[in-house]
C-alpha atoms as a PDB file:
ATOM      1  CA  MET A   1      -5.583 -24.524  16.537  1.00  0.00           C
ATOM      2  CA  PRO A   2      -2.952 -23.619  13.953  1.00  0.00           C
ATOM      3  CA  THR A   3      -2.306 -20.086  12.842  1.00  0.00           C
ATOM      4  CA  VAL A   4      -2.473 -19.753   9.074  1.00  0.00           C
ATOM      5  CA  THR A   5      -1.587 -16.826   6.848  1.00  0.00           C
ATOM      6  CA  ILE A   6      -3.334 -15.978   3.600  1.00  0.00           C
ATOM      7  CA  THR A   7      -2.204 -13.468   1.006  1.00  0.00           C
ATOM      8  CA  ARG A   8      -4.252 -11.576  -1.538  1.00  0.00           C
ATOM      9  CA  LEU A   9      -2.937  -9.333  -4.328  1.00  0.00           C
ATOM     10  CA  ALA A  10      -4.480  -6.037  -5.349  1.00  0.00           C
ATOM     11  CA  ARG A  11      -3.406  -3.731  -8.127  1.00  0.00           C
ATOM     12  CA  PHE A  12      -3.661  -0.014  -8.771  1.00  0.00           C
ATOM     13  CA  SER A  13      -2.192   2.574 -11.107  1.00  0.00           C
ATOM     14  CA  ALA A  14      -1.136   5.909  -9.669  1.00  0.00           C
ATOM     15  CA  ALA A  15       1.068   8.910 -10.345  1.00  0.00           C
ATOM     16  CA  HIS A  16       3.419  10.737  -7.998  1.00  0.00           C
ATOM     17  CA  ARG A  17       6.488  12.932  -7.834  1.00  0.00           C
ATOM     18  CA  LEU A  18       9.446  12.516  -5.528  1.00  0.00           C
ATOM     19  CA  HIS A  19      10.399  15.993  -4.441  1.00  0.00           C
ATOM     20  CA  ASN A  20      11.588  17.641  -1.247  1.00  0.00           C
ATOM     21  CA  PRO A  21      10.833  21.384  -1.126  1.00  0.00           C
ATOM     22  CA  ALA A  22      13.698  21.821   1.335  1.00  0.00           C
ATOM     23  CA  PHE A  23      16.143  20.804  -1.431  1.00  0.00           C
ATOM     24  CA  SER A  24      17.197  22.926  -4.381  1.00  0.00           C
ATOM     25  CA  ASP A  25      15.895  21.941  -7.817  1.00  0.00           C
ATOM     26  CA  GLU A  26      19.368  20.649  -8.669  1.00  0.00           C
ATOM     27  CA  GLU A  27      19.551  18.572  -5.488  1.00  0.00           C
ATOM     28  CA  ASN A  28      16.061  17.153  -6.104  1.00  0.00           C
ATOM     29  CA  ARG A  29      17.068  16.125  -9.635  1.00  0.00           C
ATOM     30  CA  ARG A  30      20.309  14.584  -8.357  1.00  0.00           C
ATOM     31  CA  ILE A  31      18.612  12.598  -5.574  1.00  0.00           C
ATOM     32  CA  PHE A  32      15.338  11.619  -7.225  1.00  0.00           C
ATOM     33  CA  GLY A  33      16.339  11.583 -10.914  1.00  0.00           C
ATOM     34  CA  LYS A  34      13.492  11.061 -13.371  1.00  0.00           C
ATOM     35  CA  CYS A  35      11.141  10.466 -10.408  1.00  0.00           C
ATOM     36  CA  ASN A  36      11.398  14.233  -9.772  1.00  0.00           C
ATOM     37  CA  SER A  37       9.653  15.160 -13.027  1.00  0.00           C
ATOM     38  CA  PRO A  38       7.537  18.292 -12.402  1.00  0.00           C
ATOM     39  CA  ASN A  39       4.835  16.623 -14.531  1.00  0.00           C
ATOM     40  CA  TYR A  40       4.768  13.542 -12.273  1.00  0.00           C
ATOM     41  CA  HIS A  41       5.163   9.933 -13.411  1.00  0.00           C
ATOM     42  CA  GLY A  42       3.210   6.759 -12.787  1.00  0.00           C
ATOM     43  CA  HIS A  43       3.432   3.125 -11.801  1.00  0.00           C
ATOM     44  CA  ASN A  44       1.303   0.036 -11.973  1.00  0.00           C
ATOM     45  CA  TYR A  45       1.543  -1.056  -8.344  1.00  0.00           C
ATOM     46  CA  THR A  46       0.784  -4.453  -6.845  1.00  0.00           C
ATOM     47  CA  ILE A  47       0.201  -4.804  -3.124  1.00  0.00           C
ATOM     48  CA  GLU A  48       0.338  -8.171  -1.374  1.00  0.00           C
ATOM     49  CA  VAL A  49      -1.789  -8.207   1.767  1.00  0.00           C
ATOM     50  CA  THR A  50      -1.056 -11.044   4.215  1.00  0.00           C
ATOM     51  CA  ILE A  51      -3.315 -11.696   7.170  1.00  0.00           C
ATOM     52  CA  GLY A  52      -3.092 -14.359   9.821  1.00  0.00           C
ATOM     53  CA  GLY A  53      -5.469 -16.185  12.074  1.00  0.00           C
ATOM     54  CA  THR A  54      -7.033 -19.439  13.064  1.00  0.00           C
ATOM     55  CA  PRO A  55      -9.239 -21.062  10.448  1.00  0.00           C
ATOM     56  CA  ASP A  56     -12.906 -20.849  11.367  1.00  0.00           C
ATOM     57  CA  ALA A  57     -14.262 -24.207  12.534  1.00  0.00           C
ATOM     58  CA  ALA A  58     -17.356 -23.950  10.329  1.00  0.00           C
ATOM     59  CA  THR A  59     -15.840 -22.580   7.099  1.00  0.00           C
ATOM     60  CA  GLY A  60     -12.169 -23.489   7.322  1.00  0.00           C
ATOM     61  CA  TYR A  61     -11.360 -19.904   6.310  1.00  0.00           C
ATOM     62  CA  VAL A  62      -9.070 -17.453   8.047  1.00  0.00           C
ATOM     63  CA  MET A  63     -11.108 -14.930   6.035  1.00  0.00           C
ATOM     64  CA  ASP A  64     -13.083 -15.210   2.848  1.00  0.00           C
ATOM     65  CA  PHE A  65     -10.922 -13.819   0.025  1.00  0.00           C
ATOM     66  CA  GLY A  66     -13.891 -11.816  -1.291  1.00  0.00           C
ATOM     67  CA  ASP A  67     -14.270 -10.116   2.086  1.00  0.00           C
ATOM     68  CA  LEU A  68     -10.531  -9.404   2.157  1.00  0.00           C
ATOM     69  CA  ASP A  69     -10.770  -7.920  -1.350  1.00  0.00           C
ATOM     70  CA  ARG A  70     -13.582  -5.593  -0.301  1.00  0.00           C
ATOM     71  CA  ILE A  71     -11.666  -4.373   2.766  1.00  0.00           C
ATOM     72  CA  VAL A  72      -8.489  -3.714   0.748  1.00  0.00           C
ATOM     73  CA  GLU A  73     -10.463  -1.936  -1.972  1.00  0.00           C
ATOM     74  CA  ARG A  74     -12.389   0.248   0.471  1.00  0.00           C
ATOM     75  CA  SER A  75      -9.390   1.034   2.710  1.00  0.00           C
ATOM     76  CA  CYS A  76      -6.739   1.729   0.068  1.00  0.00           C
ATOM     77  CA  ILE A  77      -7.313   0.919  -3.580  1.00  0.00           C
ATOM     78  CA  ASP A  78     -10.396   3.097  -4.114  1.00  0.00           C
ATOM     79  CA  ASP A  79      -8.385   6.126  -2.933  1.00  0.00           C
ATOM     80  CA  LEU A  80      -5.250   5.281  -4.938  1.00  0.00           C
ATOM     81  CA  ASP A  81      -6.297   3.807  -8.269  1.00  0.00           C
ATOM     82  CA  HIS A  82      -5.910   6.215 -11.193  1.00  0.00           C
ATOM     83  CA  LYS A  83      -5.070   9.044  -8.815  1.00  0.00           C
ATOM     84  CA  ASN A  84      -2.133  11.340  -8.209  1.00  0.00           C
ATOM     85  CA  ILE A  85      -0.875  10.247  -4.791  1.00  0.00           C
ATOM     86  CA  ASP A  86       0.525  13.704  -4.065  1.00  0.00           C
ATOM     87  CA  LEU A  87      -2.587  15.632  -5.054  1.00  0.00           C
ATOM     88  CA  ASP A  88      -5.602  13.329  -4.701  1.00  0.00           C
ATOM     89  CA  VAL A  89      -5.012  11.105  -1.669  1.00  0.00           C
ATOM     90  CA  PRO A  90      -5.839  12.951   1.571  1.00  0.00           C
ATOM     91  CA  TRP A  91      -4.182  10.368   3.805  1.00  0.00           C
ATOM     92  CA  MET A  92      -0.850  10.922   2.003  1.00  0.00           C
ATOM     93  CA  THR A  93      -0.902  14.726   2.393  1.00  0.00           C
ATOM     94  CA  GLY A  94       2.376  15.967   3.833  1.00  0.00           C
ATOM     95  CA  THR A  95       4.107  12.617   3.248  1.00  0.00           C
ATOM     96  CA  ARG A  96       6.671  12.072   0.503  1.00  0.00           C
ATOM     97  CA  SER A  97       5.083   9.492  -1.820  1.00  0.00           C
ATOM     98  CA  THR A  98       7.904   6.958  -1.834  1.00  0.00           C
ATOM     99  CA  ALA A  99       6.962   3.288  -1.916  1.00  0.00           C
ATOM    100  CA  GLU A 100       8.333   3.038   1.631  1.00  0.00           C
ATOM    101  CA  ASN A 101       5.979   5.719   2.946  1.00  0.00           C
ATOM    102  CA  LEU A 102       3.056   4.423   0.900  1.00  0.00           C
ATOM    103  CA  VAL A 103       3.293   0.880   2.289  1.00  0.00           C
ATOM    104  CA  VAL A 104       3.326   2.242   5.861  1.00  0.00           C
ATOM    105  CA  ALA A 105       0.318   4.472   5.120  1.00  0.00           C
ATOM    106  CA  CYS A 106      -1.565   1.497   3.661  1.00  0.00           C
ATOM    107  CA  TRP A 107      -0.770  -0.516   6.794  1.00  0.00           C
ATOM    108  CA  ARG A 108      -2.207   2.250   8.977  1.00  0.00           C
ATOM    109  CA  ARG A 109      -5.451   2.092   7.014  1.00  0.00           C
ATOM    110  CA  LEU A 110      -5.693  -1.676   6.616  1.00  0.00           C
ATOM    111  CA  ALA A 111      -4.768  -2.886  10.110  1.00  0.00           C
ATOM    112  CA  PRO A 112      -7.748  -1.313  11.932  1.00  0.00           C
ATOM    113  CA  ALA A 113     -10.165  -2.178   9.113  1.00  0.00           C
ATOM    114  CA  LEU A 114      -9.109  -5.819   9.281  1.00  0.00           C
ATOM    115  CA  MET A 115      -9.292  -5.894  13.084  1.00  0.00           C
ATOM    116  CA  GLU A 116     -12.961  -4.898  12.806  1.00  0.00           C
ATOM    117  CA  HIS A 117     -13.374  -8.249  11.007  1.00  0.00           C
ATOM    118  CA  GLN A 118     -11.302 -10.201  13.545  1.00  0.00           C
ATOM    119  CA  ALA A 119      -8.378 -10.486  11.134  1.00  0.00           C
ATOM    120  CA  ARG A 120      -4.775  -9.596  11.913  1.00  0.00           C
ATOM    121  CA  LEU A 121      -2.615  -7.870   9.312  1.00  0.00           C
ATOM    122  CA  VAL A 122       0.742  -9.665   9.246  1.00  0.00           C
ATOM    123  CA  HIS A 123       2.658  -8.322   6.265  1.00  0.00           C
ATOM    124  CA  LEU A 124       2.437  -5.953   3.304  1.00  0.00           C
ATOM    125  CA  ARG A 125       4.601  -6.076   0.199  1.00  0.00           C
ATOM    126  CA  LEU A 126       4.211  -3.231  -2.295  1.00  0.00           C
ATOM    127  CA  TRP A 127       5.597  -3.675  -5.793  1.00  0.00           C
ATOM    128  CA  GLU A 128       6.240  -0.312  -7.453  1.00  0.00           C
ATOM    129  CA  THR A 129       7.717  -1.921 -10.567  1.00  0.00           C
ATOM    130  CA  GLU A 130       8.401  -5.523 -11.514  1.00  0.00           C
ATOM    131  CA  ASN A 131      11.927  -5.020 -10.150  1.00  0.00           C
ATOM    132  CA  ASN A 132      11.284  -2.921  -7.013  1.00  0.00           C
ATOM    133  CA  CYS A 133       9.281  -3.754  -3.932  1.00  0.00           C
ATOM    134  CA  VAL A 134       9.135  -2.659  -0.304  1.00  0.00           C
ATOM    135  CA  GLU A 135       7.849  -4.632   2.655  1.00  0.00           C
ATOM    136  CA  TYR A 136       6.380  -3.722   6.027  1.00  0.00           C
ATOM    137  CA  ASP A 137       5.247  -5.809   8.984  1.00  0.00           C
ATOM    138  CA  GLY A 138       4.017  -3.075  11.316  1.00  0.00           C
ATOM    139  CA  ASN A 139       7.255  -2.488  13.205  1.00  0.00           C
END
């Protein structure tokens, strides 16, 4: 049987601040620029979740998109949407809230949740802005 990938988009809005307490205020401003605002700043994120598998003989689905939506919502979006990543998201505590770190943290939540449904997470792409995205494939 062929292996097929499917991709579903999910969106969330969240605030964060890029700041390293080991750096001086001046160094934080130089490195992180306006993303270091002490009042935080926000983004309208889009995450692309790609899973792979063999289409089911009875349905033809790798996974029903509605089921995939529910898993993504429960595993990540519910915790992130309209939240401050640095203050409100327990699974990001102690991790700098860059897009790079956020996509890895989402992978760590999604991969086991999808495996419970016999689906394999293949790729995540997280858009922080319409011009900036990061990607992660579990490696």
